[in-house]
Amino acid sequence: MLPRRLASLAIAPLALMLSGCLGDDDRPVRVLVIGDPGSTFVGGARLPLAAQTLRAAAVEGLVGFDQQGRVAPALADRWIITDDGLSFIFRLRDGTWPGGRPITAESARAALVDALVQQRGQPLGADLAVIEEVRAMAGRVIEIRLKRQMPDLLQLLAQPELGLSVGGRGAGPMKSKRANDKDLGLSGVMLSPIAPEDRGLPPEEDWNERAQRVELAALPAAKAIKLFNAGEAELVLGGSFVDYPRLGEAGVSGGAIRFDQVAGLFGLAVVHGDGFLAKEENREAIAMAIDRDALIAAVNLSGWVATTRVINPGLEGDSGAIGERWIGRGIEDRRTTAAGRVSRYKSGRSGAVTLRIALPSGPGSDLLFKRLGEDLKAIGLEVRRVPMAADADLRLVDSVARYAQPAWFFNQLSCANARALCSASADTLFAKAQAELDPAKRVDLLGDAEAQLTVANSYIPFGVPIRWSLVSGGVTAFAVNRWGVHPLMPLAMLPK
């Protein structure tokens, strides 16, 4: 007997087969995000993916993202950037906040300032520190003045954390309420599209026939994949290196797997700069010993980009002055050098040198720990695995860049935000680069700052992050993109 969802496909009309929702007419589009089951409802300055996805759907900002990762109108229906690049002027659409208050420049400005204040002391706050002033101008016009040019400001304003709320509630584009599915063991949120005329937009023909509900829930990867394979979910979002091996184990069709070619950090942060890790050259020994090619082979993922650079190669704004490390030196040559440093450290000391490595649970982490254990044993080091929340010597960093510029990497790894070992000299050079008006000098300073981060070896890169989703065959409103963002509103609308 076919599962309920698969049986429904056999009788679904063609129009429904081409929509974002495959199955029973009264069943919502089901989207599962890999994560802790309670993560959908987390608040605060740092949001897990499920909470980001919910906030982007129910609490829009001045701008947002479309399914292709492009900046799209939200509360602001249009904007201009002044010739000097220091002023962004937004025209707000007609409409009201929940409760009936009109959306005005003053109310939107207050909400934006609150959102900016909440990000102070966070990595995103460092990115947003370029904002000098937010001004309410005529009626429904807001101006954001910058201290210096920031071409990626719209990209930042589209982040879920910059959604604008009044009284804790946002203006859409979807309204939400908690929902539980006892049969499937889901505790999530039911989201319904808000009609255009209720958002201050022109009415759309056949809106009621096209609009669908979306059910959002967070689940551990194994359960999310199982429900997808059983036809009980249209999308699974938030897949990473940690759970990638589960796809083969579960027999997921290759055609259902989609990869976002994101940028970001994927490597080990040095948490404590003491003992063996006190010296830069010893931290470099760890970086030298890692066989990134063997890691690629273990993951069995073609196209994954490994790198020895702190900043992903090939980004806009990357001069290429800093290249890959140890060019022309094979892994055995590098390990000989690294083993010599370990031997010198051990001289006169008794006992093994053991490093605690904090990794999340999952089969991808199992592969990674096995590889790291073999790599570091080859130079005379022992390793012990600990949970991510435990005290550790090295901790996995796996973060997608919010915008593809070197500045994002510097802000993530700065002494103010890294929550690990850092380089004050790199911070100083980066600050000088940000303040430099001459483009050529700015590029030189950024290269110097990356060189300092590289020499510090406080972050040991493996490569770019891995992000994957599972997508049912009939879903049309999904697109891979460089940011790994997948908004829910497009999934809620049947095609015209």
Protein backbone atom coordinates (compact mmCIF):
# COMPACT_ATOMS: atom_id res chain seq x y z
CA MET A 1 0.00 0.00 0.00
CA LEU A 2 1.36 3.43 -0.91
CA PRO A 3 1.97 5.98 1.88
CA ARG A 4 -0.79 8.60 2.19
CA ARG A 5 1.24 11.31 0.44
CA LEU A 6 2.39 9.09 -2.43
CA ALA A 7 -1.06 7.67 -3.00
CA SER A 8 -2.45 11.17 -3.36
CA LEU A 9 -0.02 11.89 -6.21
CA ALA A 10 -1.61 9.23 -8.35
CA ILE A 11 -4.87 11.16 -8.56
CA ALA A 12 -3.56 14.72 -8.37
CA PRO A 13 -4.56 16.94 -11.33
CA LEU A 14 -1.80 18.35 -13.52
CA ALA A 15 -2.17 21.87 -12.13
CA LEU A 16 -1.51 20.59 -8.63
CA MET A 17 1.41 18.46 -9.78
CA LEU A 18 3.10 21.61 -11.09
CA SER A 19 2.52 23.60 -7.92
CA GLY A 20 4.63 23.97 -4.81
CA CYS A 21 2.33 21.59 -2.91
CA LEU A 22 2.09 17.96 -3.95
CA GLY A 23 -0.66 15.98 -2.32
CA ASP A 24 -3.99 16.36 -0.56
CA ASP A 25 -5.86 19.55 -1.46
CA ASP A 26 -6.19 20.52 2.19
CA ARG A 27 -2.65 19.64 3.19
CA PRO A 28 -0.13 22.48 3.42
CA VAL A 29 3.27 22.57 1.80
CA ARG A 30 5.44 20.95 4.44
CA VAL A 31 8.95 22.37 4.95
CA LEU A 32 11.32 20.72 7.40
CA VAL A 33 14.48 22.44 8.61
CA ILE A 34 17.28 20.32 10.02
CA GLY A 35 17.86 21.36 13.61
CA ASP A 36 16.68 21.08 17.18
CA PRO A 37 12.88 20.65 17.29
CA GLY A 38 12.55 23.78 19.41
CA SER A 39 14.78 25.95 17.25
CA THR A 40 11.89 27.37 15.20
CA PHE A 41 10.80 29.40 18.22
CA VAL A 42 14.19 30.74 19.33
CA GLY A 43 14.45 34.53 19.63
CA GLY A 44 17.29 36.95 20.25
CA ALA A 45 20.15 38.34 18.21
CA ARG A 46 21.52 35.01 16.88
CA LEU A 47 18.83 32.92 15.22
CA PRO A 48 19.15 29.29 14.12
CA LEU A 49 18.07 28.54 10.55
CA ALA A 50 14.52 27.47 11.42
CA ALA A 51 13.93 30.70 13.35
CA GLN A 52 15.48 32.73 10.51
CA THR A 53 13.13 31.04 8.03
CA LEU A 54 10.08 31.81 10.19
CA ARG A 55 11.12 35.41 10.81
CA ALA A 56 11.74 36.07 7.11
CA ALA A 57 8.22 34.83 6.35
CA ALA A 58 6.34 36.69 9.08
CA VAL A 59 8.48 39.74 9.90
CA GLU A 60 9.72 41.38 6.72
CA GLY A 61 12.27 44.17 6.61
CA LEU A 62 12.72 47.06 4.25
CA VAL A 63 13.83 44.49 1.68
CA GLY A 64 13.95 40.72 1.54
CA PHE A 65 15.10 37.86 -0.69
CA ASP A 66 13.34 36.12 -3.54
CA GLN A 67 13.79 32.39 -4.15
CA GLN A 68 16.89 33.02 -6.27
CA GLY A 69 18.61 34.91 -3.46
CA ARG A 70 18.14 38.32 -5.07
CA VAL A 71 17.21 41.38 -3.01
CA ALA A 72 13.49 42.06 -3.47
CA PRO A 73 11.02 44.73 -2.28
CA ALA A 74 9.36 44.16 1.08
CA LEU A 75 8.17 47.04 3.32
CA ALA A 76 9.96 49.33 0.87
CA ASP A 77 8.59 49.01 -2.65
CA ARG A 78 11.42 51.03 -4.20
CA TRP A 79 14.68 52.77 -3.31
CA ILE A 80 17.50 54.85 -4.71
CA ILE A 81 21.21 55.10 -3.90
CA THR A 82 22.87 58.48 -4.14
CA ASP A 83 25.80 58.97 -6.50
CA ASP A 84 28.33 59.05 -3.66
CA GLY A 85 27.05 55.68 -2.38
CA LEU A 86 26.60 57.08 1.13
CA SER A 87 22.82 57.40 1.21
CA PHE A 88 20.10 54.78 0.61
CA ILE A 89 16.60 56.26 0.38
CA PHE A 90 13.60 53.92 0.70
CA ARG A 91 9.97 54.59 -0.20
CA LEU A 92 7.66 52.51 2.00
CA ARG A 93 4.55 50.91 0.59
CA ASP A 94 1.05 51.68 1.86
CA GLY A 95 -0.13 49.37 4.57
CA THR A 96 -0.56 48.82 8.27
CA TRP A 97 1.23 47.04 11.08
CA PRO A 98 -0.62 44.23 12.86
CA GLY A 99 -3.21 45.99 14.98
CA GLY A 100 -4.02 48.58 12.34
CA ARG A 101 -1.38 51.28 12.85
CA PRO A 102 -0.25 52.74 9.51
CA ILE A 103 3.27 51.96 8.32
CA THR A 104 4.99 55.34 8.46
CA ALA A 105 8.55 56.51 8.16
CA GLU A 106 8.67 57.23 11.89
CA SER A 107 7.33 53.80 12.94
CA ALA A 108 9.56 51.95 10.46
CA ARG A 109 12.59 53.97 11.53
CA ALA A 110 11.97 53.12 15.20
CA ALA A 111 11.60 49.42 14.34
CA LEU A 112 14.80 49.44 12.27
CA VAL A 113 16.78 51.20 15.01
CA ASP A 114 15.55 48.58 17.51
CA ALA A 115 16.71 45.79 15.18
CA LEU A 116 20.12 47.43 14.73
CA VAL A 117 20.57 47.89 18.47
CA GLN A 118 19.81 44.21 19.06
CA GLN A 119 22.71 43.27 16.78
CA ARG A 120 25.33 45.29 18.65
CA GLY A 121 28.13 43.04 19.86
CA GLN A 122 27.25 40.38 17.28
CA PRO A 123 29.09 39.61 14.00
CA LEU A 124 26.12 40.97 12.02
CA GLY A 125 26.31 44.11 14.14
CA ALA A 126 29.91 44.58 13.04
CA ASP A 127 28.77 44.39 9.40
CA LEU A 128 26.04 46.95 10.13
CA ALA A 129 28.35 49.36 11.97
CA VAL A 130 28.76 51.19 8.65
CA ILE A 131 25.34 52.78 9.26
CA GLU A 132 25.77 56.29 10.63
CA GLU A 133 22.14 57.40 10.88
CA VAL A 134 18.59 56.33 10.08
CA ARG A 135 16.30 59.27 9.29
CA ALA A 136 12.54 59.51 8.85
CA MET A 137 11.82 61.89 6.01
CA ALA A 138 8.48 62.75 4.39
CA GLY A 139 5.49 60.51 5.18
CA ARG A 140 6.75 57.12 4.05
CA VAL A 141 10.40 57.82 3.19
CA ILE A 142 13.41 56.58 5.16
CA GLU A 143 17.03 57.50 4.57
CA ILE A 144 19.99 55.43 5.76
CA ARG A 145 23.22 57.39 5.87
CA LEU A 146 26.55 55.53 5.81
CA LYS A 147 29.98 56.33 7.22
CA ARG A 148 31.55 54.90 4.08
CA GLN A 149 30.43 53.12 0.95
CA MET A 150 28.89 49.68 1.49
CA PRO A 151 27.68 48.16 -1.81
CA ASP A 152 26.27 45.17 0.07
CA LEU A 153 24.00 47.17 2.39
CA LEU A 154 20.81 45.91 0.72
CA GLN A 155 22.06 42.35 1.20
CA LEU A 156 22.46 43.05 4.92
CA LEU A 157 19.08 44.74 5.27
CA ALA A 158 17.46 41.65 3.72
CA GLN A 159 18.71 39.41 6.54
CA PRO A 160 15.92 37.92 8.72
CA GLU A 161 17.36 39.57 11.83
CA LEU A 162 16.60 42.96 10.23
CA GLY A 163 12.88 42.21 9.98
CA LEU A 164 10.84 45.09 11.40
CA SER A 165 8.24 44.54 14.09
CA VAL A 166 5.90 46.69 16.15
CA GLY A 167 4.73 45.27 19.44
CA GLY A 168 6.61 42.07 18.67
CA ARG A 169 4.68 41.42 15.45
CA GLY A 170 5.65 41.86 11.81
CA ALA A 171 3.72 42.90 8.72
CA GLY A 172 4.03 39.67 6.77
CA PRO A 173 4.11 38.61 4.01
CA MET A 174 2.66 35.63 5.93
CA LYS A 175 0.82 35.28 9.20
CA SER A 176 1.74 32.46 11.53
CA LYS A 177 0.33 30.37 14.32
CA ARG A 178 1.68 27.35 16.15
CA ALA A 179 0.62 23.97 14.83
CA ASN A 180 1.16 20.38 15.94
CA ASP A 181 0.94 17.18 13.91
CA LYS A 182 0.63 14.38 16.42
CA ASP A 183 0.68 11.67 13.74
CA LEU A 184 4.10 12.75 12.49
CA GLY A 185 5.39 14.11 15.78
CA LEU A 186 5.83 17.65 14.46
CA SER A 187 5.63 20.80 16.53
CA GLY A 188 5.90 23.75 14.22
CA VAL A 189 4.19 26.74 12.67
CA MET A 190 1.40 27.10 10.13
CA LEU A 191 1.93 30.07 7.82
CA SER A 192 -0.71 31.60 5.56
CA PRO A 193 -0.09 34.24 2.87
CA ILE A 194 -1.61 37.65 3.58
CA ALA A 195 -3.71 38.95 0.70
CA PRO A 196 -2.04 41.80 -1.22
CA GLU A 197 -4.84 44.29 -0.49
CA ASP A 198 -4.31 43.66 3.24
CA ARG A 199 -0.65 44.58 2.83
CA GLY A 200 -1.24 47.85 0.97
CA LEU A 201 -0.62 46.28 -2.44
CA PRO A 202 -2.89 46.02 -5.52
CA PRO A 203 -5.25 43.01 -5.46
CA GLU A 204 -4.21 39.96 -7.49
CA GLU A 205 -6.63 37.95 -9.59
CA ASP A 206 -7.35 34.42 -8.35
CA TRP A 207 -5.38 35.05 -5.14
CA ASN A 208 -7.61 32.79 -3.02
CA GLU A 209 -7.29 29.95 -5.54
CA ARG A 210 -3.51 30.26 -5.71
CA ALA A 211 -2.61 30.84 -2.06
CA GLN A 212 -1.60 27.81 0.02
CA ARG A 213 -0.59 27.29 3.61
CA VAL A 214 2.97 26.32 4.52
CA GLU A 215 3.82 24.19 7.54
CA LEU A 216 7.30 24.78 8.99
CA ALA A 217 8.98 22.55 11.55
CA ALA A 218 12.52 21.75 12.70
CA LEU A 219 13.64 18.15 13.11
CA PRO A 220 16.83 16.12 13.46
CA ALA A 221 18.23 15.18 10.06
CA ALA A 222 17.46 11.46 10.23
CA LYS A 223 13.76 12.04 10.90
CA ALA A 224 13.49 14.84 8.32
CA ILE A 225 15.03 12.62 5.63
CA LYS A 226 12.75 9.73 6.58
CA LEU A 227 9.63 11.91 6.27
CA PHE A 228 10.83 13.27 2.93
CA ASN A 229 11.43 9.78 1.58
CA ALA A 230 7.93 8.78 2.73
CA GLY A 231 6.42 11.69 0.80
CA GLU A 232 5.40 13.51 3.98
CA ALA A 233 7.40 16.67 3.21
CA GLU A 234 8.03 18.72 0.09
CA LEU A 235 11.27 20.32 1.26
CA VAL A 236 14.09 19.67 3.68
CA LEU A 237 16.35 22.68 4.29
CA GLY A 238 19.57 23.26 6.19
CA GLY A 239 21.58 20.20 5.22
CA SER A 240 25.30 20.45 5.92
CA PHE A 241 28.48 18.40 5.98
CA VAL A 242 27.38 16.91 9.31
CA ASP A 243 24.45 14.95 7.84
CA TYR A 244 25.40 14.58 4.18
CA PRO A 245 26.33 10.85 4.50
CA ARG A 246 22.77 10.12 5.69
CA LEU A 247 21.46 10.75 2.18
CA GLY A 248 23.28 7.75 0.73
CA GLU A 249 22.40 5.59 3.72
CA ALA A 250 18.71 6.49 3.31
CA GLY A 251 18.71 5.93 -0.44
CA VAL A 252 17.59 9.46 -1.28
CA SER A 253 17.23 10.00 -5.03
CA GLY A 254 20.08 12.05 -6.45
CA GLY A 255 17.58 14.16 -8.35
CA ALA A 256 16.08 15.39 -5.08
CA ILE A 257 19.39 16.76 -3.71
CA ARG A 258 20.20 20.40 -4.43
CA PHE A 259 23.44 22.14 -3.44
CA ASP A 260 23.82 25.84 -2.75
CA GLN A 261 27.26 27.06 -3.85
CA VAL A 262 27.76 29.21 -0.77
CA ALA A 263 30.79 30.99 0.65
CA GLY A 264 31.77 31.05 4.30
CA LEU A 265 33.83 29.45 7.04
CA PHE A 266 34.35 25.71 7.41
CA GLY A 267 37.27 24.77 9.61
CA LEU A 268 38.56 24.69 13.18
CA ALA A 269 38.76 27.67 15.52
CA VAL A 270 41.54 27.54 18.10
CA VAL A 271 39.73 28.09 21.39
CA HIS A 272 42.62 28.22 23.84
CA GLY A 273 46.07 29.61 23.11
CA ASP A 274 47.94 27.65 25.76
CA GLY A 275 49.95 24.46 25.96
CA PHE A 276 50.89 23.14 22.55
CA LEU A 277 48.61 25.73 20.93
CA ALA A 278 50.39 28.69 22.53
CA LYS A 279 52.75 29.15 19.58
CA GLU A 280 51.72 30.15 16.07
CA GLU A 281 54.11 27.62 14.55
CA ASN A 282 52.48 24.78 16.49
CA ARG A 283 49.01 25.84 15.38
CA GLU A 284 50.38 25.93 11.84
CA ALA A 285 51.61 22.36 12.31
CA ILE A 286 47.97 21.25 12.69
CA ALA A 287 46.97 23.14 9.54
CA MET A 288 49.88 21.59 7.63
CA ALA A 289 49.01 18.05 8.72
CA ILE A 290 45.42 18.05 7.46
CA ASP A 291 44.98 16.20 4.18
CA ARG A 292 42.13 18.13 2.58
CA ASP A 293 42.13 15.96 -0.54
CA ALA A 294 41.55 12.89 1.63
CA LEU A 295 38.73 14.73 3.37
CA ILE A 296 37.06 15.38 0.01
CA ALA A 297 37.41 11.68 -0.86
CA ALA A 298 35.93 10.64 2.50
CA VAL A 299 32.89 12.88 2.02
CA ASN A 300 32.52 11.65 -1.58
CA LEU A 301 31.17 15.00 -2.75
CA SER A 302 32.40 16.14 -6.14
CA GLY A 303 32.70 19.87 -6.62
CA TRP A 304 33.38 20.71 -2.99
CA VAL A 305 36.07 23.39 -2.76
CA ALA A 306 38.87 22.82 -0.27
CA THR A 307 41.16 25.70 0.64
CA THR A 308 44.00 26.57 3.00
CA ARG A 309 43.02 30.25 2.92
CA VAL A 310 41.14 31.97 5.71
CA ILE A 311 39.10 33.94 3.15
CA ASN A 312 37.48 31.91 0.40
CA PRO A 313 39.35 32.40 -2.88
CA GLY A 314 37.70 34.16 -5.79
CA LEU A 315 35.40 36.47 -3.84
CA GLU A 316 34.57 39.94 -5.11
CA GLY A 317 37.09 42.26 -3.50
CA ASP A 318 39.73 39.51 -3.19
CA SER A 319 42.92 40.80 -4.80
CA GLY A 320 44.49 37.34 -4.91
CA ALA A 321 47.58 38.69 -3.18
CA ILE A 322 47.23 35.89 -0.61
CA GLY A 323 47.26 32.48 -2.25
CA GLU A 324 46.97 28.89 -1.13
CA ARG A 325 49.56 27.82 1.42
CA TRP A 326 52.47 25.42 1.01
CA ILE A 327 52.28 25.35 -2.78
CA GLY A 328 54.62 22.68 -4.16
CA ARG A 329 54.90 20.83 -0.85
CA GLY A 330 53.24 17.42 -0.66
CA ILE A 331 51.38 16.22 2.41
CA GLU A 332 54.26 14.01 3.58
CA ASP A 333 56.74 16.89 3.34
CA ARG A 334 54.42 19.12 5.32
CA ARG A 335 53.87 16.45 7.94
CA THR A 336 57.61 15.98 8.38
CA THR A 337 57.93 19.67 9.25
CA ALA A 338 54.88 19.53 11.52
CA ALA A 339 56.12 16.38 13.30
CA GLY A 340 59.41 18.13 14.04
CA ARG A 341 57.55 20.92 15.82
CA VAL A 342 55.52 18.44 17.86
CA SER A 343 58.72 16.57 18.78
CA ARG A 344 60.39 19.78 19.94
CA TYR A 345 57.38 20.64 22.09
CA LYS A 346 57.35 17.18 23.66
CA SER A 347 61.07 17.28 24.46
CA GLY A 348 61.44 17.27 28.23
CA ARG A 349 57.72 16.70 28.76
CA SER A 350 56.09 13.41 29.70
CA GLY A 351 52.88 11.98 28.34
CA ALA A 352 50.93 12.44 25.12
CA VAL A 353 49.75 15.76 23.73
CA THR A 354 45.98 15.43 23.41
CA LEU A 355 43.72 18.01 21.76
CA ARG A 356 39.99 18.19 22.48
CA ILE A 357 38.02 18.77 19.28
CA ALA A 358 34.41 19.95 19.58
CA LEU A 359 32.17 18.62 16.80
CA PRO A 360 28.40 18.28 16.39
CA SER A 361 26.91 14.80 16.35
CA GLY A 362 26.32 13.19 12.97
CA PRO A 363 27.94 10.82 10.46
CA GLY A 364 29.75 13.65 8.65
CA SER A 365 31.37 14.66 11.92
CA ASP A 366 32.30 11.02 12.50
CA LEU A 367 34.14 11.00 9.15
CA LEU A 368 35.79 14.31 9.93
CA PHE A 369 36.96 13.21 13.37
CA LYS A 370 38.36 9.98 11.94
CA ARG A 371 40.30 11.92 9.30
CA LEU A 372 41.59 14.46 11.83
CA GLY A 373 42.63 11.69 14.19
CA GLU A 374 44.68 10.01 11.47
CA ASP A 375 46.16 13.28 10.21
CA LEU A 376 47.25 14.50 13.64
CA LYS A 377 48.46 11.09 14.80
CA ALA A 378 50.83 11.18 11.83
CA ILE A 379 52.63 14.15 13.44
CA GLY A 380 52.54 12.83 17.01
CA LEU A 381 49.31 14.35 18.39
CA GLU A 382 46.34 12.61 19.98
CA VAL A 383 42.74 13.82 19.71
CA ARG A 384 39.62 13.49 21.84
CA ARG A 385 36.16 14.34 20.63
CA VAL A 386 33.87 16.47 22.79
CA PRO A 387 30.39 17.97 22.23
CA MET A 388 30.08 21.41 20.68
CA ALA A 389 29.01 23.00 23.98
CA ALA A 390 31.92 21.51 25.94
CA ASP A 391 35.23 23.15 26.71
CA ALA A 392 37.61 22.36 23.87
CA ASP A 393 40.96 23.22 22.32
CA LEU A 394 39.60 23.27 18.77
CA ARG A 395 35.97 23.84 17.73
CA LEU A 396 34.30 23.36 14.36
CA VAL A 397 33.16 26.53 12.61
CA ASP A 398 30.57 26.04 9.86
CA SER A 399 28.94 29.32 8.81
CA VAL A 400 27.56 30.66 5.53
CA ALA A 401 28.62 34.18 4.54
CA ARG A 402 25.85 36.79 4.64
CA TYR A 403 27.58 38.64 1.80
CA ALA A 404 30.49 37.63 -0.39
CA GLN A 405 33.15 40.13 0.66
CA PRO A 406 36.37 39.69 2.69
CA ALA A 407 34.87 42.01 5.33
CA TRP A 408 32.44 39.30 6.42
CA PHE A 409 35.31 36.93 7.21
CA PHE A 410 37.24 39.57 9.17
CA ASN A 411 34.17 40.46 11.23
CA GLN A 412 33.46 36.81 12.01
CA LEU A 413 37.01 36.17 13.19
CA SER A 414 37.62 39.50 14.94
CA CYS A 415 38.58 39.65 18.59
CA ALA A 416 35.17 41.22 19.32
CA ASN A 417 33.17 38.37 17.76
CA ALA A 418 35.20 35.19 17.34
CA ARG A 419 34.76 33.85 20.91
CA ALA A 420 38.08 32.10 20.34
CA LEU A 421 41.73 32.93 19.73
CA CYS A 422 42.09 35.95 17.46
CA SER A 423 44.60 38.40 15.98
CA ALA A 424 44.54 41.96 17.28
CA SER A 425 47.01 43.03 14.60
CA ALA A 426 44.70 41.68 11.87
CA ASP A 427 41.81 43.62 13.42
CA THR A 428 43.87 46.82 13.39
CA LEU A 429 44.85 46.41 9.74
CA PHE A 430 41.27 45.60 8.75
CA ALA A 431 40.00 48.71 10.54
CA LYS A 432 42.55 50.80 8.63
CA ALA A 433 41.44 49.20 5.38
CA GLN A 434 37.81 50.06 6.11
CA ALA A 435 38.72 53.69 6.75
CA GLU A 436 41.00 54.01 3.70
CA LEU A 437 39.45 56.02 0.84
CA ASP A 438 42.01 55.10 -1.79
CA PRO A 439 40.88 51.79 -3.41
CA ALA A 440 44.40 50.57 -4.18
CA LYS A 441 45.62 51.23 -0.65
CA ARG A 442 42.51 49.58 0.77
CA VAL A 443 43.23 46.41 -1.21
CA ASP A 444 46.82 46.38 0.06
CA LEU A 445 45.68 46.77 3.66
CA LEU A 446 43.14 43.97 3.29
CA GLY A 447 45.90 41.74 1.94
CA ASP A 448 48.08 42.63 4.94
CA ALA A 449 45.20 41.89 7.31
CA GLU A 450 44.60 38.47 5.75
CA ALA A 451 48.32 37.76 5.97
CA GLN A 452 48.17 38.47 9.71
CA LEU A 453 45.19 36.15 10.15
CA THR A 454 47.01 33.48 8.17
CA VAL A 455 50.18 33.75 10.25
CA ALA A 456 48.20 33.70 13.51
CA ASN A 457 46.72 30.29 12.61
CA SER A 458 43.88 30.92 15.04
CA TYR A 459 41.46 29.57 12.43
CA ILE A 460 42.37 26.44 10.46
CA PRO A 461 40.33 26.23 7.24
CA PHE A 462 39.17 23.06 5.50
CA GLY A 463 37.22 24.64 2.65
CA VAL A 464 33.90 26.32 1.86
CA PRO A 465 30.77 25.21 3.75
CA ILE A 466 28.52 22.51 2.30
CA ARG A 467 24.77 23.25 2.13
CA TRP A 468 22.14 20.98 0.63
CA SER A 469 18.36 20.72 0.47
CA LEU A 470 15.92 17.99 -0.52
CA VAL A 471 13.26 19.07 -3.02
CA SER A 472 10.25 17.10 -4.22
CA GLY A 473 9.95 16.76 -7.97
CA GLY A 474 6.87 18.96 -8.33
CA VAL A 475 8.17 21.95 -6.39
CA THR A 476 8.69 24.82 -8.81
CA ALA A 477 9.29 27.76 -6.46
CA PHE A 478 12.73 26.64 -5.26
CA ALA A 479 16.10 27.73 -6.59
CA VAL A 480 19.63 27.14 -5.40
CA ASN A 481 21.53 30.35 -4.72
CA ARG A 482 24.83 31.59 -3.33
CA TRP A 483 23.34 32.59 0.03
CA GLY A 484 21.46 29.40 0.85
CA VAL A 485 18.25 31.38 1.50
CA HIS A 486 14.92 29.76 0.65
CA PRO A 487 11.93 31.98 1.46
CA LEU A 488 8.55 30.38 2.17
CA MET A 489 6.25 32.89 0.48
CA PRO A 490 7.02 31.72 -3.10
CA LEU A 491 6.23 28.15 -2.02
CA ALA A 492 2.80 29.27 -0.84
CA MET A 493 1.66 30.46 -4.27
CA LEU A 494 0.48 28.20 -7.09
CA PRO A 495 1.85 29.34 -10.45
CA LYS A 496 -0.38 31.62 -12.53
